[in-house]
Structures are given as structure tokens and as C-alpha cells.
Amino acid sequence: MTLFALTLLLAAAFIHATWNLLLKRAQGGPVFQWLFAVLSVVLYLPAVLVWTWYRPVAVGAEVVAVIAGSSLLHTLYYTVLQRGYRAGDLSVVYPLARGTGPFLAVIGAMLILGERPAAGVLVGGMFIVLGVFLLSGGAVWSRARGPSRAAVLYGLATGAVIASYTLWDKNAVTGMAIAPLLLDWGTNCGRSILLARVAMRRRRELRTAWRDHRREALGVALLNPLAYILVLTALQITPVSHIAPAREVSILIGSLMGIRLLGERGARVRLPAAASMTLGLVLIVTNGSAP
């Protein structure tokens, strides 16, 4: 992995953890997701116009289909993630989602994209599984202190969706050469359309979300695309088996934010679990792919 790609991923990790904190605070559902998707479209429209002015883009049916597929996957991602945040703590759902996602993405990259990770990747995967075991309760938590089953299941489901959209978007930015800015903006347009009917049926909830959580909505709308555009840019020049794990430095950041800023409990178990997952991710990154 190049220094440029690693720098992009580290910056994306901090930004990603920050917007997840804002999302957790808002406790929003589909209406809030529609709100920050529309805000993202508006906020990034000037950048899209400038980009297309200097680099005209031919948008055909295949490109539209790929962006539509990405919109569906990302809509599913935010839906499952938000339900997880309502069911449990940020410091449980976030590490589970961000820890299992890259491991599944590496497996998918091997099976679908033909990537060949080195043996160290498998060792790293074992540390990830250990971290998942600790975060999901395992033998070290009593039933009273452990996270809810729903929070664990939502976290794991979110990880599966992360792996899916990572592989899909990797093909979009490399195989089809769609610019990261345009892919993300088009995806947000698609999510705005998919969720518009829900938002219009819940106008009262929409007004409440804007009144009570406009700062969180604007923060997520600004930071969420920025973080993913950085990741997509790194994906253009680096294999999925490097990128998917490396971006998950945000696991520890998210856990610390949940414990320090939201007052969530369980640091004695959650931080070692997140550390185990991070160690596994580091092993995956440093071992790279076999030639």
C-alpha cells in the first residue's frame, strides 16, 4: 500500500468515526437518512458541477445501473446501521460492523475479484473473530452486562452489507472508471429518491428531525461523503484486500467516542476486543497480497 493511499484511509477513519457519533446522537431512522442524503446532494453539487465542467462525463445506461445498485446497497447499509444504533451502544454496533465488514470483503475479493491475500491475512482474520466474540458477549460477559442480541445481529448484518458495497463500488471506480466524487454523489441522489416517499409520509417526523437534529444532519451530510470519497480514491489504486481492512482504524476511534463522549459502559471488555480486531486488521494490511 502506498503512503498516499494510507494517508487517505487514516483521514477517512477519523472522519468516519465522527459522523457515526453524530448519527448515533440523532437516533434517526429512514427520515433522518433521507434528510442527510438530500443535504449531501445539495452541499456537494458545486463540486460536482466544477468537476463535470472540466472533465465532461458521458452517462450511459450501464453507469446509471451501477450507481443505482450502489444506492440500493448504501440505503440498506444506513437502514441496518441506524436500527443497530437504536438497539444498542455505538461501542458495540460500530466495532462489530466495521470489524466483520472488511474480513468478508477480503473473502469476496478472493472469490470474485481473484485477489490472493498472503497467509498473514488469515492470521489477522483470527484476531478479528476473537474481537467479534468478545464484543458479542462470549463467555466473559454475564447476560446482564452483555449487549443485546439485536445489537449484535444488526452489527454483523451491517458488516455483511459493508462487504457487499465495497466490492460493488470497487468495480465502479476501477472497472468502469467512475470518478469517486460522481459515484458518491449519484449514490446520494439515488438514496434521496428511494426514501422520498417515506419522508413525505412522515412530514411531522421530518420537521422534528430538522428542528432537533439539524446540526447532526448537516454534519453527517458533509462528513459522510468526504470520508467515502477518500476511500473510493484509495480503492482506485489499491486492492480491496488492502483497503477494506486498513480503513477500519476507525474501530478504536468509534469505541472511544462511544465510551468517552456518550458515557457508554464496558470499556474493560470493549476496548480489548476492539484492540484485537485492530491488530488483526494491521496484520492484514502489513501482509498485503501474495503475488
Protein backbone atom coordinates (compact mmCIF):
# COMPACT_ATOMS: atom_id res chain seq x y z
CA MET A 1 0.00 0.00 0.00
CA THR A 2 1.36 3.42 -0.93
CA LEU A 3 1.82 6.23 1.58
CA PHE A 4 -0.75 8.27 -0.34
CA ALA A 5 -3.40 5.55 -0.02
CA LEU A 6 -2.62 5.04 3.67
CA THR A 7 -2.91 8.78 4.33
CA LEU A 8 -6.31 8.85 2.62
CA LEU A 9 -7.53 5.94 4.74
CA LEU A 10 -6.33 7.37 8.04
CA ALA A 11 -8.05 10.67 7.31
CA ALA A 12 -11.21 8.79 6.29
CA ALA A 13 -11.11 6.76 9.53
CA PHE A 14 -11.28 9.84 11.76
CA ILE A 15 -14.00 11.44 9.63
CA HIS A 16 -15.98 8.19 9.51
CA ALA A 17 -15.95 7.73 13.27
CA THR A 18 -17.06 11.34 13.74
CA TRP A 19 -20.13 11.13 11.52
CA ASN A 20 -21.09 7.83 13.15
CA LEU A 21 -21.04 9.61 16.50
CA LEU A 22 -23.37 12.27 15.09
CA LEU A 23 -25.65 9.58 13.63
CA LYS A 24 -25.82 7.80 16.98
CA ARG A 25 -26.72 11.06 18.74
CA ALA A 26 -29.53 11.77 16.28
CA GLN A 27 -31.08 8.29 16.80
CA GLY A 28 -32.68 8.73 13.40
CA GLY A 29 -34.45 6.34 11.06
CA PRO A 30 -35.32 6.43 7.34
CA VAL A 31 -36.49 10.05 7.57
CA PHE A 32 -33.19 11.21 9.01
CA GLN A 33 -31.36 9.16 6.38
CA TRP A 34 -33.34 10.92 3.64
CA LEU A 35 -32.61 14.29 5.24
CA PHE A 36 -28.85 13.93 5.27
CA ALA A 37 -28.84 12.33 1.81
CA VAL A 38 -30.64 15.37 0.35
CA LEU A 39 -28.35 17.72 2.23
CA SER A 40 -25.32 15.85 0.85
CA VAL A 41 -26.64 16.25 -2.69
CA VAL A 42 -27.02 19.99 -2.17
CA LEU A 43 -23.71 20.52 -0.37
CA TYR A 44 -21.64 18.63 -2.94
CA LEU A 45 -23.46 19.88 -6.04
CA PRO A 46 -21.00 22.78 -6.60
CA ALA A 47 -18.05 20.36 -6.55
CA VAL A 48 -19.84 18.05 -9.00
CA LEU A 49 -20.59 20.95 -11.36
CA VAL A 50 -16.97 22.08 -11.30
CA TRP A 51 -15.74 18.53 -11.90
CA THR A 52 -18.04 17.90 -14.84
CA TRP A 53 -17.20 21.33 -16.31
CA TYR A 54 -13.52 20.47 -16.53
CA ARG A 55 -13.97 16.75 -17.14
CA PRO A 56 -17.22 16.10 -19.06
CA VAL A 57 -18.75 12.72 -18.27
CA ALA A 58 -20.77 10.50 -20.61
CA VAL A 59 -23.51 8.87 -18.53
CA GLY A 60 -24.89 5.75 -20.19
CA ALA A 61 -27.35 3.10 -19.08
CA GLU A 62 -24.61 0.89 -17.62
CA VAL A 63 -23.25 3.70 -15.45
CA VAL A 64 -26.76 4.55 -14.24
CA ALA A 65 -27.37 0.88 -13.39
CA VAL A 66 -24.14 0.66 -11.37
CA ILE A 67 -24.93 3.86 -9.45
CA ALA A 68 -28.48 2.59 -8.82
CA GLY A 69 -27.08 -0.65 -7.42
CA SER A 70 -24.75 1.30 -5.17
CA SER A 71 -27.70 3.42 -4.00
CA LEU A 72 -29.65 0.32 -3.01
CA LEU A 73 -26.72 -1.17 -1.08
CA HIS A 74 -25.94 2.08 0.74
CA THR A 75 -29.60 2.62 1.60
CA LEU A 76 -29.67 -0.86 3.11
CA TYR A 77 -26.43 -0.10 4.97
CA TYR A 78 -27.72 3.05 6.65
CA THR A 79 -31.06 1.42 7.46
CA VAL A 80 -29.49 -1.55 9.22
CA LEU A 81 -26.85 0.63 10.92
CA GLN A 82 -29.41 3.08 12.31
CA ARG A 83 -31.55 0.23 13.64
CA GLY A 84 -28.47 -1.18 15.30
CA TYR A 85 -27.76 2.15 16.97
CA ARG A 86 -31.29 2.23 18.33
CA ALA A 87 -30.91 -1.33 19.62
CA GLY A 88 -27.51 -0.98 21.29
CA ASP A 89 -24.41 1.05 22.07
CA LEU A 90 -22.17 2.72 19.50
CA SER A 91 -19.17 0.95 21.04
CA VAL A 92 -20.79 -2.45 20.31
CA VAL A 93 -22.53 -1.97 16.95
CA TYR A 94 -19.78 0.13 15.35
CA PRO A 95 -16.83 -2.25 16.01
CA LEU A 96 -18.88 -5.30 15.03
CA ALA A 97 -19.93 -3.71 11.75
CA ARG A 98 -16.55 -2.25 10.89
CA GLY A 99 -14.68 -5.36 12.00
CA THR A 100 -16.61 -8.06 10.18
CA GLY A 101 -17.14 -5.97 7.04
CA PRO A 102 -13.51 -5.89 5.88
CA PHE A 103 -12.92 -9.56 6.63
CA LEU A 104 -15.91 -10.53 4.50
CA ALA A 105 -14.74 -8.08 1.83
CA VAL A 106 -11.33 -9.80 1.69
CA ILE A 107 -13.03 -13.18 1.20
CA GLY A 108 -15.21 -11.66 -1.51
CA ALA A 109 -12.17 -10.12 -3.20
CA MET A 110 -10.55 -13.56 -3.32
CA LEU A 111 -13.61 -15.30 -4.73
CA ILE A 112 -14.94 -12.60 -7.06
CA LEU A 113 -12.01 -10.34 -7.98
CA GLY A 114 -9.30 -13.01 -7.96
CA GLU A 115 -7.13 -11.30 -5.34
CA ARG A 116 -4.71 -13.56 -3.44
CA PRO A 117 -4.05 -12.32 0.11
CA ALA A 118 -0.98 -13.64 1.94
CA ALA A 119 -1.15 -16.09 4.84
CA GLY A 120 -0.89 -13.22 7.33
CA VAL A 121 -4.36 -12.14 6.26
CA LEU A 122 -5.78 -15.36 7.67
CA VAL A 123 -4.00 -14.81 10.98
CA GLY A 124 -5.42 -11.30 11.05
CA GLY A 125 -8.84 -12.78 10.44
CA MET A 126 -8.49 -14.90 13.56
CA PHE A 127 -7.91 -11.78 15.67
CA ILE A 128 -10.98 -10.20 14.10
CA VAL A 129 -13.08 -13.25 15.01
CA LEU A 130 -11.75 -13.05 18.57
CA GLY A 131 -12.73 -9.39 18.77
CA VAL A 132 -16.20 -10.19 17.43
CA PHE A 133 -16.56 -12.94 20.05
CA LEU A 134 -15.68 -10.55 22.86
CA LEU A 135 -17.95 -7.78 21.60
CA SER A 136 -20.87 -10.13 21.09
CA GLY A 137 -20.76 -11.37 24.68
CA GLY A 138 -18.98 -14.68 24.57
CA ALA A 139 -18.10 -16.39 27.81
CA VAL A 140 -16.64 -13.32 29.51
CA TRP A 141 -19.89 -11.34 29.89
CA SER A 142 -22.79 -12.17 32.06
CA ARG A 143 -26.22 -11.98 30.49
CA ALA A 144 -26.96 -8.84 32.49
CA ARG A 145 -23.86 -6.97 31.33
CA GLY A 146 -23.63 -8.15 27.75
CA PRO A 147 -25.03 -6.33 24.72
CA SER A 148 -28.48 -7.14 23.41
CA ARG A 149 -28.81 -9.87 20.83
CA ALA A 150 -30.45 -7.41 18.45
CA ALA A 151 -27.46 -5.05 18.65
CA VAL A 152 -25.07 -7.91 17.84
CA LEU A 153 -27.16 -9.16 14.92
CA TYR A 154 -27.53 -5.67 13.46
CA GLY A 155 -23.79 -5.12 13.80
CA LEU A 156 -22.99 -8.35 11.95
CA ALA A 157 -25.63 -7.65 9.29
CA THR A 158 -24.14 -4.20 8.74
CA GLY A 159 -20.74 -5.81 8.25
CA ALA A 160 -22.15 -8.05 5.52
CA VAL A 161 -23.62 -5.05 3.70
CA ILE A 162 -20.30 -3.18 4.03
CA ALA A 163 -18.52 -6.06 2.30
CA SER A 164 -21.13 -6.04 -0.48
CA TYR A 165 -20.95 -2.34 -1.28
CA THR A 166 -17.14 -2.34 -1.02
CA LEU A 167 -16.84 -4.94 -3.78
CA TRP A 168 -19.56 -3.28 -5.86
CA ASP A 169 -18.01 0.18 -5.61
CA LYS A 170 -14.51 -1.16 -6.25
CA ASN A 171 -15.75 -2.36 -9.65
CA ALA A 172 -17.40 1.02 -10.25
CA VAL A 173 -14.26 3.13 -9.69
CA THR A 174 -11.79 0.74 -11.34
CA GLY A 175 -13.63 -1.46 -13.82
CA MET A 176 -15.90 1.35 -15.03
CA ALA A 177 -13.64 4.29 -14.12
CA ILE A 178 -16.42 6.29 -12.47
CA ALA A 179 -14.94 9.22 -10.53
CA PRO A 180 -15.31 8.76 -6.73
CA LEU A 181 -16.98 12.17 -6.35
CA LEU A 182 -19.57 11.37 -9.03
CA LEU A 183 -20.22 7.85 -7.73
CA ASP A 184 -20.86 9.04 -4.20
CA TRP A 185 -22.98 12.00 -5.32
CA GLY A 186 -25.02 9.79 -7.65
CA THR A 187 -25.49 7.29 -4.82
CA ASN A 188 -26.84 10.03 -2.56
CA CYS A 189 -29.20 11.13 -5.32
CA GLY A 190 -30.44 7.57 -5.59
CA ARG A 191 -30.97 7.28 -1.83
CA SER A 192 -32.87 10.57 -1.86
CA ILE A 193 -35.23 9.17 -4.48
CA LEU A 194 -35.61 5.77 -2.79
CA LEU A 195 -36.53 7.30 0.56
CA ALA A 196 -38.53 10.31 -0.66
CA ARG A 197 -41.90 8.60 -0.33
CA VAL A 198 -41.16 7.58 3.26
CA ALA A 199 -40.04 11.10 4.16
CA MET A 200 -43.11 12.71 2.60
CA ARG A 201 -45.42 10.38 4.51
CA ARG A 202 -43.70 11.36 7.77
CA ARG A 203 -43.56 15.13 7.43
CA ARG A 204 -44.07 15.68 11.13
CA GLU A 205 -41.12 13.41 11.94
CA LEU A 206 -39.09 15.23 9.28
CA ARG A 207 -39.84 18.63 10.83
CA THR A 208 -38.91 17.28 14.26
CA ALA A 209 -35.65 15.85 12.95
CA TRP A 210 -34.72 19.18 11.37
CA ARG A 211 -35.68 21.14 14.48
CA ASP A 212 -33.90 18.92 16.99
CA HIS A 213 -31.00 17.46 14.99
CA ARG A 214 -30.19 19.85 12.18
CA ARG A 215 -26.57 20.12 13.32
CA GLU A 216 -26.15 16.37 13.29
CA ALA A 217 -27.86 16.15 9.87
CA LEU A 218 -25.58 18.81 8.38
CA GLY A 219 -22.52 17.20 9.99
CA VAL A 220 -23.31 13.76 8.61
CA ALA A 221 -24.22 15.24 5.21
CA LEU A 222 -20.82 16.93 4.99
CA LEU A 223 -18.55 14.31 6.57
CA ASN A 224 -20.11 11.09 5.29
CA PRO A 225 -19.44 11.74 1.58
CA LEU A 226 -16.00 13.17 2.30
CA ALA A 227 -14.90 10.05 4.17
CA TYR A 228 -16.16 7.71 1.46
CA ILE A 229 -14.75 9.76 -1.42
CA LEU A 230 -11.32 9.39 0.21
CA VAL A 231 -11.85 5.62 0.48
CA LEU A 232 -13.01 5.35 -3.14
CA THR A 233 -9.96 7.31 -4.27
CA ALA A 234 -7.72 4.84 -2.43
CA LEU A 235 -9.66 1.93 -3.98
CA GLN A 236 -8.73 3.21 -7.43
CA ILE A 237 -5.06 2.44 -6.82
CA THR A 238 -5.09 -0.31 -4.17
CA PRO A 239 -6.62 -3.83 -3.90
CA VAL A 240 -9.73 -4.41 -1.80
CA SER A 241 -7.77 -6.83 0.42
CA HIS A 242 -5.62 -3.86 1.49
CA ILE A 243 -8.24 -1.11 1.64
CA ALA A 244 -11.16 -2.85 3.36
CA PRO A 245 -9.17 -3.78 6.48
CA ALA A 246 -6.95 -0.68 6.62
CA ARG A 247 -9.84 1.77 6.77
CA GLU A 248 -11.09 0.14 9.94
CA VAL A 249 -8.69 2.03 12.19
CA SER A 250 -11.95 3.84 12.92
CA ILE A 251 -12.99 0.86 15.07
CA LEU A 252 -10.97 2.04 18.07
CA ILE A 253 -11.91 5.65 17.41
CA GLY A 254 -15.61 4.79 17.37
CA SER A 255 -15.34 2.72 20.55
CA LEU A 256 -13.51 5.50 22.38
CA MET A 257 -16.08 8.06 21.24
CA GLY A 258 -18.95 5.89 22.44
CA ILE A 259 -17.36 5.38 25.84
CA ARG A 260 -15.90 8.86 26.40
CA LEU A 261 -18.45 11.12 24.72
CA LEU A 262 -21.69 9.14 25.09
CA GLY A 263 -20.93 7.66 28.51
CA GLU A 264 -21.31 4.07 27.34
CA ARG A 265 -20.05 1.36 29.68
CA GLY A 266 -18.00 -1.77 29.18
CA ALA A 267 -14.56 -0.31 28.43
CA ARG A 268 -12.78 -3.23 30.12
CA VAL A 269 -14.17 -5.66 27.57
CA ARG A 270 -14.91 -3.49 24.55
CA LEU A 271 -11.55 -1.80 24.21
CA PRO A 272 -9.52 -5.05 24.36
CA ALA A 273 -11.95 -6.53 21.83
CA ALA A 274 -11.56 -3.55 19.52
CA ALA A 275 -7.78 -3.73 20.00
CA SER A 276 -7.81 -7.40 18.98
CA MET A 277 -9.78 -6.55 15.85
CA THR A 278 -7.43 -3.70 15.04
CA LEU A 279 -4.39 -5.96 15.45
CA GLY A 280 -5.97 -8.37 13.01
CA LEU A 281 -6.54 -5.55 10.55
CA VAL A 282 -2.92 -4.40 10.92
CA LEU A 283 -1.72 -7.91 10.12
CA ILE A 284 -3.88 -7.95 7.02
CA VAL A 285 -2.52 -4.59 5.89
CA THR A 286 1.15 -5.37 6.52
CA ASN A 287 0.98 -8.76 4.83
CA GLY A 288 -0.76 -7.38 1.77
CA SER A 289 -1.47 -9.74 -1.11
CA ALA A 290 0.57 -12.58 -2.37
CA PRO A 291 1.87 -12.12 -5.89
